[in-house]
Amino acid sequence: MITFRRLDPADFPLLGRWLAQEYVARWWHHETSTEAVERDFGPTARGEVPSEDLLALLDGHPLGLVQRYRLIDFPEYVAELGPVVEVPEGAMSIDYLIGDRDKVGRGIGPLMIRSILARIWREHPDVTAVLVPVVAANRASWRALEKAGFTRVGSGDLKPDNPIDDPLHHVYRVDRPA
């Protein structure tokens, strides 16, 4: 069973190790020093920004990270997505990683995504849809979304997290169940 709890500063060393792993670093392209992790994840852990970083736990053991945020809280991101897809009012987005290398390629990614969706629907009754842009080259990520019930609703150029990537992204969407 996958559960979630807010990322705490005590989790930063673990997160730094996950971000440094080649298979994570390829797509997250994030600095991994203690200072960088504190700089980039500290404000969210302290509740200073309107998003959440959640530690994903598999049977109580750290598995990965999920970030969730309302798109309306980041108007520059809505403006970037707008030419590619319609951004519905009340939409959220997520970012995710599996930090435990032994769990990659075992169907855990879609399970983690379905688990966070269930939590979003339960905790945020006003959220109408979840949109997730993924670099087109990151097939494993967009396949996990498809297996979790998302549908590709558009493709277009967005600024990639990693400058070595082509800007082509696929955007996936799932609507709140009826």
C-alpha atoms as a PDB file:
ATOM      1  CA  MET A   1       0.000   0.000   0.000  1.00  0.00           C
ATOM      2  CA  ILE A   2       1.272   3.461  -0.856  1.00  0.00           C
ATOM      3  CA  THR A   3       0.739   6.264   1.630  1.00  0.00           C
ATOM      4  CA  PHE A   4       2.024   9.823   1.727  1.00  0.00           C
ATOM      5  CA  ARG A   5       3.268  12.310   4.249  1.00  0.00           C
ATOM      6  CA  ARG A   6       4.619  15.824   3.892  1.00  0.00           C
ATOM      7  CA  LEU A   7       8.299  15.991   3.094  1.00  0.00           C
ATOM      8  CA  ASP A   8      10.205  17.127   6.164  1.00  0.00           C
ATOM      9  CA  PRO A   9      13.668  18.727   6.307  1.00  0.00           C
ATOM     10  CA  ALA A  10      14.865  15.508   7.968  1.00  0.00           C
ATOM     11  CA  ASP A  11      14.096  13.795   4.614  1.00  0.00           C
ATOM     12  CA  PHE A  12      16.370  16.111   2.615  1.00  0.00           C
ATOM     13  CA  PRO A  13      19.479  13.864   2.770  1.00  0.00           C
ATOM     14  CA  LEU A  14      17.436  10.966   1.380  1.00  0.00           C
ATOM     15  CA  LEU A  15      15.925  13.200  -1.305  1.00  0.00           C
ATOM     16  CA  GLY A  16      19.398  14.453  -2.241  1.00  0.00           C
ATOM     17  CA  ARG A  17      20.584  10.851  -2.700  1.00  0.00           C
ATOM     18  CA  TRP A  18      17.557  10.073  -4.855  1.00  0.00           C
ATOM     19  CA  LEU A  19      18.053  13.160  -7.016  1.00  0.00           C
ATOM     20  CA  ALA A  20      21.716  12.208  -7.543  1.00  0.00           C
ATOM     21  CA  GLN A  21      20.880   8.790  -9.002  1.00  0.00           C
ATOM     22  CA  GLU A  22      21.450   8.726 -12.750  1.00  0.00           C
ATOM     23  CA  TYR A  23      17.957   7.513 -13.671  1.00  0.00           C
ATOM     24  CA  VAL A  24      16.369  10.326 -11.585  1.00  0.00           C
ATOM     25  CA  ALA A  25      18.914  13.025 -12.461  1.00  0.00           C
ATOM     26  CA  ARG A  26      18.326  12.417 -16.182  1.00  0.00           C
ATOM     27  CA  TRP A  27      14.791  13.793 -15.952  1.00  0.00           C
ATOM     28  CA  TRP A  28      14.791  15.965 -12.821  1.00  0.00           C
ATOM     29  CA  HIS A  29      18.121  17.708 -13.599  1.00  0.00           C
ATOM     30  CA  HIS A  30      18.422  19.035 -10.065  1.00  0.00           C
ATOM     31  CA  GLU A  31      21.335  20.134  -7.924  1.00  0.00           C
ATOM     32  CA  THR A  32      21.873  17.618  -5.145  1.00  0.00           C
ATOM     33  CA  SER A  33      24.016  19.434  -2.591  1.00  0.00           C
ATOM     34  CA  THR A  34      22.597  19.847   0.908  1.00  0.00           C
ATOM     35  CA  GLU A  35      22.272  23.580   0.268  1.00  0.00           C
ATOM     36  CA  ALA A  36      20.470  23.120  -3.060  1.00  0.00           C
ATOM     37  CA  VAL A  37      17.965  20.623  -1.676  1.00  0.00           C
ATOM     38  CA  GLU A  38      17.255  22.938   1.265  1.00  0.00           C
ATOM     39  CA  ARG A  39      16.941  25.941  -1.065  1.00  0.00           C
ATOM     40  CA  ASP A  40      14.538  24.227  -3.444  1.00  0.00           C
ATOM     41  CA  PHE A  41      12.478  22.048  -1.103  1.00  0.00           C
ATOM     42  CA  GLY A  42      12.713  23.978   2.177  1.00  0.00           C
ATOM     43  CA  PRO A  43      10.114  26.650   1.321  1.00  0.00           C
ATOM     44  CA  THR A  44       7.531  23.997   0.470  1.00  0.00           C
ATOM     45  CA  ALA A  45       8.338  21.956   3.584  1.00  0.00           C
ATOM     46  CA  ARG A  46       7.823  25.119   5.660  1.00  0.00           C
ATOM     47  CA  GLY A  47       4.522  25.938   3.901  1.00  0.00           C
ATOM     48  CA  GLU A  48       5.867  29.120   2.289  1.00  0.00           C
ATOM     49  CA  VAL A  49       4.771  28.239  -1.256  1.00  0.00           C
ATOM     50  CA  PRO A  50       1.385  26.979  -2.495  1.00  0.00           C
ATOM     51  CA  SER A  51       2.416  23.441  -3.348  1.00  0.00           C
ATOM     52  CA  GLU A  52       3.087  20.199  -1.525  1.00  0.00           C
ATOM     53  CA  ASP A  53       6.037  17.858  -1.582  1.00  0.00           C
ATOM     54  CA  LEU A  54       4.938  14.455  -0.351  1.00  0.00           C
ATOM     55  CA  LEU A  55       7.128  11.523   0.542  1.00  0.00           C
ATOM     56  CA  ALA A  56       5.606   8.362  -0.914  1.00  0.00           C
ATOM     57  CA  LEU A  57       5.836   5.341   1.356  1.00  0.00           C
ATOM     58  CA  LEU A  58       5.402   1.729   0.265  1.00  0.00           C
ATOM     59  CA  ASP A  59       4.355  -0.362   3.253  1.00  0.00           C
ATOM     60  CA  GLY A  60       5.799   2.385   5.457  1.00  0.00           C
ATOM     61  CA  HIS A  61       9.196   2.579   3.696  1.00  0.00           C
ATOM     62  CA  PRO A  62      10.294   5.620   1.642  1.00  0.00           C
ATOM     63  CA  LEU A  63       9.714   4.974  -2.050  1.00  0.00           C
ATOM     64  CA  GLY A  64       9.668   8.307  -3.843  1.00  0.00           C
ATOM     65  CA  LEU A  65       8.438  11.856  -4.037  1.00  0.00           C
ATOM     66  CA  VAL A  66       5.253  13.396  -5.399  1.00  0.00           C
ATOM     67  CA  GLN A  67       4.769  17.128  -5.800  1.00  0.00           C
ATOM     68  CA  ARG A  68       1.238  18.405  -6.229  1.00  0.00           C
ATOM     69  CA  TYR A  69       0.104  21.931  -6.930  1.00  0.00           C
ATOM     70  CA  ARG A  70      -2.822  23.916  -8.247  1.00  0.00           C
ATOM     71  CA  LEU A  71      -1.996  25.312 -11.653  1.00  0.00           C
ATOM     72  CA  ILE A  72      -3.777  28.595 -10.890  1.00  0.00           C
ATOM     73  CA  ASP A  73      -1.110  29.284  -8.235  1.00  0.00           C
ATOM     74  CA  PHE A  74       1.520  29.379 -10.998  1.00  0.00           C
ATOM     75  CA  PRO A  75       0.142  31.692 -13.723  1.00  0.00           C
ATOM     76  CA  GLU A  76       3.384  31.603 -15.704  1.00  0.00           C
ATOM     77  CA  TYR A  77       3.010  27.839 -16.036  1.00  0.00           C
ATOM     78  CA  VAL A  78      -0.636  28.168 -17.115  1.00  0.00           C
ATOM     79  CA  ALA A  79       0.489  30.700 -19.752  1.00  0.00           C
ATOM     80  CA  GLU A  80       3.091  28.242 -21.034  1.00  0.00           C
ATOM     81  CA  LEU A  81       0.614  25.341 -21.149  1.00  0.00           C
ATOM     82  CA  GLY A  82      -2.192  27.406 -22.711  1.00  0.00           C
ATOM     83  CA  PRO A  83      -0.992  27.220 -26.318  1.00  0.00           C
ATOM     84  CA  VAL A  84      -0.626  23.425 -26.031  1.00  0.00           C
ATOM     85  CA  VAL A  85      -3.801  22.401 -24.154  1.00  0.00           C
ATOM     86  CA  GLU A  86      -6.831  23.877 -22.477  1.00  0.00           C
ATOM     87  CA  VAL A  87      -6.127  24.350 -18.778  1.00  0.00           C
ATOM     88  CA  PRO A  88      -9.425  23.834 -16.974  1.00  0.00           C
ATOM     89  CA  GLU A  89     -10.338  25.911 -13.978  1.00  0.00           C
ATOM     90  CA  GLY A  90      -9.595  23.934 -10.830  1.00  0.00           C
ATOM     91  CA  ALA A  91      -6.781  21.874 -12.385  1.00  0.00           C
ATOM     92  CA  MET A  92      -3.827  20.493 -10.453  1.00  0.00           C
ATOM     93  CA  SER A  93      -0.561  19.031 -11.664  1.00  0.00           C
ATOM     94  CA  ILE A  94       1.870  16.518 -10.232  1.00  0.00           C
ATOM     95  CA  ASP A  95       5.539  15.680 -10.553  1.00  0.00           C
ATOM     96  CA  TYR A  96       6.880  12.383  -9.291  1.00  0.00           C
ATOM     97  CA  LEU A  97       9.921  10.195  -8.944  1.00  0.00           C
ATOM     98  CA  ILE A  98      10.686   6.758  -7.622  1.00  0.00           C
ATOM     99  CA  GLY A  99      13.806   7.071  -5.499  1.00  0.00           C
ATOM    100  CA  ASP A 100      14.211   3.397  -4.673  1.00  0.00           C
ATOM    101  CA  ARG A 101      15.979   1.923  -7.734  1.00  0.00           C
ATOM    102  CA  ASP A 102      14.783  -1.588  -6.866  1.00  0.00           C
ATOM    103  CA  LYS A 103      11.178  -0.464  -7.406  1.00  0.00           C
ATOM    104  CA  VAL A 104      11.670   0.944 -10.920  1.00  0.00           C
ATOM    105  CA  GLY A 105      10.089  -1.060 -13.739  1.00  0.00           C
ATOM    106  CA  ARG A 106       7.823  -3.093 -11.435  1.00  0.00           C
ATOM    107  CA  GLY A 107       4.506  -1.285 -11.900  1.00  0.00           C
ATOM    108  CA  ILE A 108       5.005   0.845  -8.777  1.00  0.00           C
ATOM    109  CA  GLY A 109       4.948   4.143 -10.713  1.00  0.00           C
ATOM    110  CA  PRO A 110       1.348   3.752 -11.926  1.00  0.00           C
ATOM    111  CA  LEU A 111       0.345   2.558  -8.451  1.00  0.00           C
ATOM    112  CA  MET A 112       1.938   5.639  -6.880  1.00  0.00           C
ATOM    113  CA  ILE A 113       0.177   7.906  -9.404  1.00  0.00           C
ATOM    114  CA  ARG A 114      -3.215   6.233  -8.824  1.00  0.00           C
ATOM    115  CA  SER A 115      -2.660   6.563  -5.057  1.00  0.00           C
ATOM    116  CA  ILE A 116      -1.943  10.299  -5.249  1.00  0.00           C
ATOM    117  CA  LEU A 117      -4.964  10.772  -7.526  1.00  0.00           C
ATOM    118  CA  ALA A 118      -7.213   9.101  -4.949  1.00  0.00           C
ATOM    119  CA  ARG A 119      -5.787  11.429  -2.305  1.00  0.00           C
ATOM    120  CA  ILE A 120      -6.279  14.498  -4.534  1.00  0.00           C
ATOM    121  CA  TRP A 121      -9.923  13.618  -5.214  1.00  0.00           C
ATOM    122  CA  ARG A 122     -10.521  12.997  -1.498  1.00  0.00           C
ATOM    123  CA  GLU A 123      -8.678  16.026  -0.085  1.00  0.00           C
ATOM    124  CA  HIS A 124      -9.438  18.585  -2.804  1.00  0.00           C
ATOM    125  CA  PRO A 125     -13.108  18.313  -3.807  1.00  0.00           C
ATOM    126  CA  ASP A 126     -12.817  21.442  -5.973  1.00  0.00           C
ATOM    127  CA  VAL A 127     -10.103  19.973  -8.218  1.00  0.00           C
ATOM    128  CA  THR A 128     -11.650  19.195 -11.587  1.00  0.00           C
ATOM    129  CA  ALA A 129      -8.716  17.586 -13.408  1.00  0.00           C
ATOM    130  CA  VAL A 130      -5.031  16.776 -13.160  1.00  0.00           C
ATOM    131  CA  LEU A 131      -2.756  17.782 -16.054  1.00  0.00           C
ATOM    132  CA  VAL A 132       0.789  16.467 -16.351  1.00  0.00           C
ATOM    133  CA  PRO A 133       3.255  17.566 -19.043  1.00  0.00           C
ATOM    134  CA  VAL A 134       6.053  15.066 -19.706  1.00  0.00           C
ATOM    135  CA  VAL A 135       9.078  15.393 -21.964  1.00  0.00           C
ATOM    136  CA  ALA A 136       8.226  13.270 -24.998  1.00  0.00           C
ATOM    137  CA  ALA A 137      11.513  11.371 -24.681  1.00  0.00           C
ATOM    138  CA  ASN A 138      10.597  10.188 -21.161  1.00  0.00           C
ATOM    139  CA  ARG A 139       8.551   7.233 -22.348  1.00  0.00           C
ATOM    140  CA  ALA A 140       8.611   5.456 -18.974  1.00  0.00           C
ATOM    141  CA  SER A 141       6.981   8.458 -17.311  1.00  0.00           C
ATOM    142  CA  TRP A 142       4.205   8.966 -19.823  1.00  0.00           C
ATOM    143  CA  ARG A 143       3.533   5.239 -19.989  1.00  0.00           C
ATOM    144  CA  ALA A 144       3.110   5.239 -16.185  1.00  0.00           C
ATOM    145  CA  LEU A 145       0.540   8.014 -16.561  1.00  0.00           C
ATOM    146  CA  GLU A 146      -1.327   6.025 -19.220  1.00  0.00           C
ATOM    147  CA  LYS A 147      -1.349   2.928 -17.001  1.00  0.00           C
ATOM    148  CA  ALA A 148      -2.712   5.091 -14.172  1.00  0.00           C
ATOM    149  CA  GLY A 149      -5.661   6.212 -16.323  1.00  0.00           C
ATOM    150  CA  PHE A 150      -4.421   9.459 -17.876  1.00  0.00           C
ATOM    151  CA  THR A 151      -5.085  10.328 -21.526  1.00  0.00           C
ATOM    152  CA  ARG A 152      -2.776  12.274 -23.795  1.00  0.00           C
ATOM    153  CA  VAL A 153      -4.604  15.489 -24.663  1.00  0.00           C
ATOM    154  CA  GLY A 154      -1.915  17.383 -26.526  1.00  0.00           C
ATOM    155  CA  SER A 155       1.697  17.702 -27.539  1.00  0.00           C
ATOM    156  CA  GLY A 156       3.787  20.797 -28.001  1.00  0.00           C
ATOM    157  CA  ASP A 157       6.894  22.675 -27.066  1.00  0.00           C
ATOM    158  CA  LEU A 158       7.452  23.546 -23.398  1.00  0.00           C
ATOM    159  CA  LYS A 159      10.638  24.477 -21.599  1.00  0.00           C
ATOM    160  CA  PRO A 160      12.297  21.203 -20.548  1.00  0.00           C
ATOM    161  CA  ASP A 161      13.728  20.741 -17.038  1.00  0.00           C
ATOM    162  CA  ASN A 162      16.922  19.363 -18.548  1.00  0.00           C
ATOM    163  CA  PRO A 163      18.471  21.619 -21.203  1.00  0.00           C
ATOM    164  CA  ILE A 164      19.661  18.589 -23.185  1.00  0.00           C
ATOM    165  CA  ASP A 165      16.036  17.640 -23.914  1.00  0.00           C
ATOM    166  CA  ASP A 166      14.034  18.618 -26.949  1.00  0.00           C
ATOM    167  CA  PRO A 167      11.183  20.943 -25.920  1.00  0.00           C
ATOM    168  CA  LEU A 168       8.503  18.521 -27.214  1.00  0.00           C
ATOM    169  CA  HIS A 169       6.208  17.473 -24.356  1.00  0.00           C
ATOM    170  CA  HIS A 170       3.126  15.301 -24.203  1.00  0.00           C
ATOM    171  CA  VAL A 171       0.418  16.587 -21.887  1.00  0.00           C
ATOM    172  CA  TYR A 172      -1.731  14.064 -20.054  1.00  0.00           C
ATOM    173  CA  ARG A 173      -5.044  14.642 -18.309  1.00  0.00           C
ATOM    174  CA  VAL A 174      -7.410  12.807 -16.030  1.00  0.00           C
ATOM    175  CA  ASP A 175     -10.731  14.266 -14.928  1.00  0.00           C
ATOM    176  CA  ARG A 176     -12.371  13.864 -11.548  1.00  0.00           C
ATOM    177  CA  PRO A 177     -14.423  10.679 -11.564  1.00  0.00           C
ATOM    178  CA  ALA A 178     -18.197  11.173 -11.725  1.00  0.00           C
END
